[in-house]
Amino acid sequence: MLTKTAKVVSLSKFKGEPSKLKEFITKLQIHISYNNNSFDDEAAKVLFTISYLERLVFDFIEVYLDDYNVYTNFKEMRLDTRAMLKIINKFIKIIKKVYKELYKEEKAT
């Protein structure tokens, strides 16, 4: 039994290094799980995650953020934006998939 509140170190930004993706996602999941009561809903978890993304993945997701920021009503957003914000675990799968695709494109140029 813990007698003191355990502290979770804040996350480092994910800058797009392939070798760091798994570590980032694992630490992200621990952070969200430990602080679950701090999030109002799944969209808050996704937005929190987005705040720790940089470079290629953030650039891709920025389009969805623009849609999110324009509409105050969730139902007015594009379907793909709503799907992305709906469940954190699905969002993490999207990050993995998008990152792999964008990284391949960057290496090709």
Protein backbone atom coordinates (compact mmCIF):
# COMPACT_ATOMS: atom_id res chain seq x y z
CA MET A 1 0.00 0.00 0.00
CA LEU A 2 1.24 3.47 -0.88
CA THR A 3 1.28 5.98 1.93
CA LYS A 4 2.15 8.94 -0.33
CA THR A 5 0.80 10.00 -3.67
CA ALA A 6 3.04 8.68 -6.42
CA LYS A 7 4.19 11.22 -8.96
CA VAL A 8 4.13 10.54 -12.66
CA VAL A 9 6.80 12.39 -14.58
CA SER A 10 5.44 14.52 -17.39
CA LEU A 11 5.87 13.16 -20.87
CA SER A 12 8.50 14.23 -23.35
CA LYS A 13 7.26 15.33 -26.75
CA PHE A 14 7.32 12.71 -29.48
CA LYS A 15 9.48 14.20 -32.21
CA GLY A 16 9.12 11.42 -34.74
CA GLU A 17 12.03 9.13 -34.03
CA PRO A 18 10.95 5.61 -35.03
CA SER A 19 12.88 4.03 -32.16
CA LYS A 20 11.00 6.21 -29.63
CA LEU A 21 7.41 5.58 -30.77
CA LYS A 22 6.79 2.45 -28.69
CA GLU A 23 8.31 4.07 -25.59
CA PHE A 24 6.24 7.23 -26.08
CA ILE A 25 2.99 5.29 -26.46
CA THR A 26 3.70 3.12 -23.42
CA LYS A 27 4.49 6.15 -21.25
CA LEU A 28 1.44 7.94 -22.62
CA GLN A 29 -0.82 5.03 -21.71
CA ILE A 30 0.64 4.87 -18.19
CA HIS A 31 0.18 8.62 -17.77
CA ILE A 32 -3.43 8.56 -18.96
CA SER A 33 -4.26 5.51 -16.87
CA TYR A 34 -2.75 7.01 -13.72
CA ASN A 35 -4.45 10.36 -14.29
CA ASN A 36 -7.70 9.00 -15.72
CA ASN A 37 -9.86 11.13 -13.39
CA SER A 38 -8.24 14.27 -14.83
CA PHE A 39 -9.86 13.74 -18.22
CA ASP A 40 -13.52 14.57 -18.82
CA ASP A 41 -13.86 12.19 -21.75
CA GLU A 42 -12.00 10.32 -24.49
CA ALA A 43 -11.65 13.47 -26.60
CA ALA A 44 -9.73 15.12 -23.75
CA LYS A 45 -7.33 12.17 -23.72
CA VAL A 46 -6.82 12.44 -27.47
CA LEU A 47 -6.26 16.20 -27.31
CA PHE A 48 -3.78 15.69 -24.47
CA THR A 49 -1.92 13.17 -26.64
CA ILE A 50 -1.89 15.53 -29.62
CA SER A 51 -0.24 18.18 -27.46
CA TYR A 52 2.78 15.87 -27.16
CA LEU A 53 3.19 15.22 -30.90
CA GLU A 54 5.56 17.09 -33.17
CA ARG A 55 6.69 17.10 -36.78
CA LEU A 56 5.15 14.59 -39.21
CA VAL A 57 2.43 13.15 -37.00
CA PHE A 58 1.35 16.55 -35.69
CA ASP A 59 1.33 17.98 -39.21
CA PHE A 60 -1.03 15.20 -40.29
CA ILE A 61 -3.32 15.60 -37.28
CA GLU A 62 -3.40 19.40 -37.52
CA VAL A 63 -6.10 19.13 -40.21
CA TYR A 64 -8.38 17.41 -37.71
CA LEU A 65 -7.54 19.96 -35.03
CA ASP A 66 -8.61 22.73 -37.37
CA ASP A 67 -11.98 21.01 -37.79
CA TYR A 68 -12.24 20.50 -34.01
CA ASN A 69 -11.48 24.16 -33.33
CA VAL A 70 -14.03 25.45 -35.85
CA TYR A 71 -17.02 23.57 -34.45
CA THR A 72 -18.15 23.72 -30.84
CA ASN A 73 -20.71 20.98 -31.41
CA PHE A 74 -19.21 17.50 -31.78
CA LYS A 75 -21.95 16.51 -34.26
CA GLU A 76 -20.98 19.32 -36.66
CA MET A 77 -17.42 18.02 -37.06
CA ARG A 78 -16.41 15.84 -39.98
CA LEU A 79 -16.97 12.13 -39.43
CA ASP A 80 -13.26 11.36 -39.55
CA THR A 81 -12.54 14.02 -36.92
CA ARG A 82 -15.23 12.59 -34.64
CA ALA A 83 -13.87 9.08 -35.13
CA MET A 84 -10.37 10.23 -34.28
CA LEU A 85 -11.50 11.91 -31.04
CA LYS A 86 -13.87 9.19 -29.92
CA ILE A 87 -11.57 6.56 -28.35
CA ILE A 88 -7.97 7.04 -27.20
CA ASN A 89 -6.92 3.48 -28.06
CA LYS A 90 -8.12 3.89 -31.65
CA PHE A 91 -6.28 7.19 -31.82
CA ILE A 92 -3.06 5.48 -30.73
CA LYS A 93 -3.52 2.93 -33.52
CA ILE A 94 -3.94 5.83 -35.97
CA ILE A 95 -0.72 7.42 -34.71
CA LYS A 96 1.16 4.18 -35.32
CA LYS A 97 -0.28 3.74 -38.80
CA VAL A 98 0.08 7.36 -39.89
CA TYR A 99 3.56 7.63 -38.50
CA LYS A 100 4.73 4.58 -40.40
CA GLU A 101 3.22 5.88 -43.67
CA LEU A 102 4.56 9.42 -43.28
CA TYR A 103 7.99 8.21 -42.24
CA LYS A 104 8.18 6.05 -45.38
CA GLU A 105 7.28 9.08 -47.53
CA GLU A 106 9.89 11.26 -45.85
CA LYS A 107 12.61 8.65 -46.36
CA ALA A 108 11.67 8.32 -50.03
CA THR A 109 12.26 12.04 -50.73
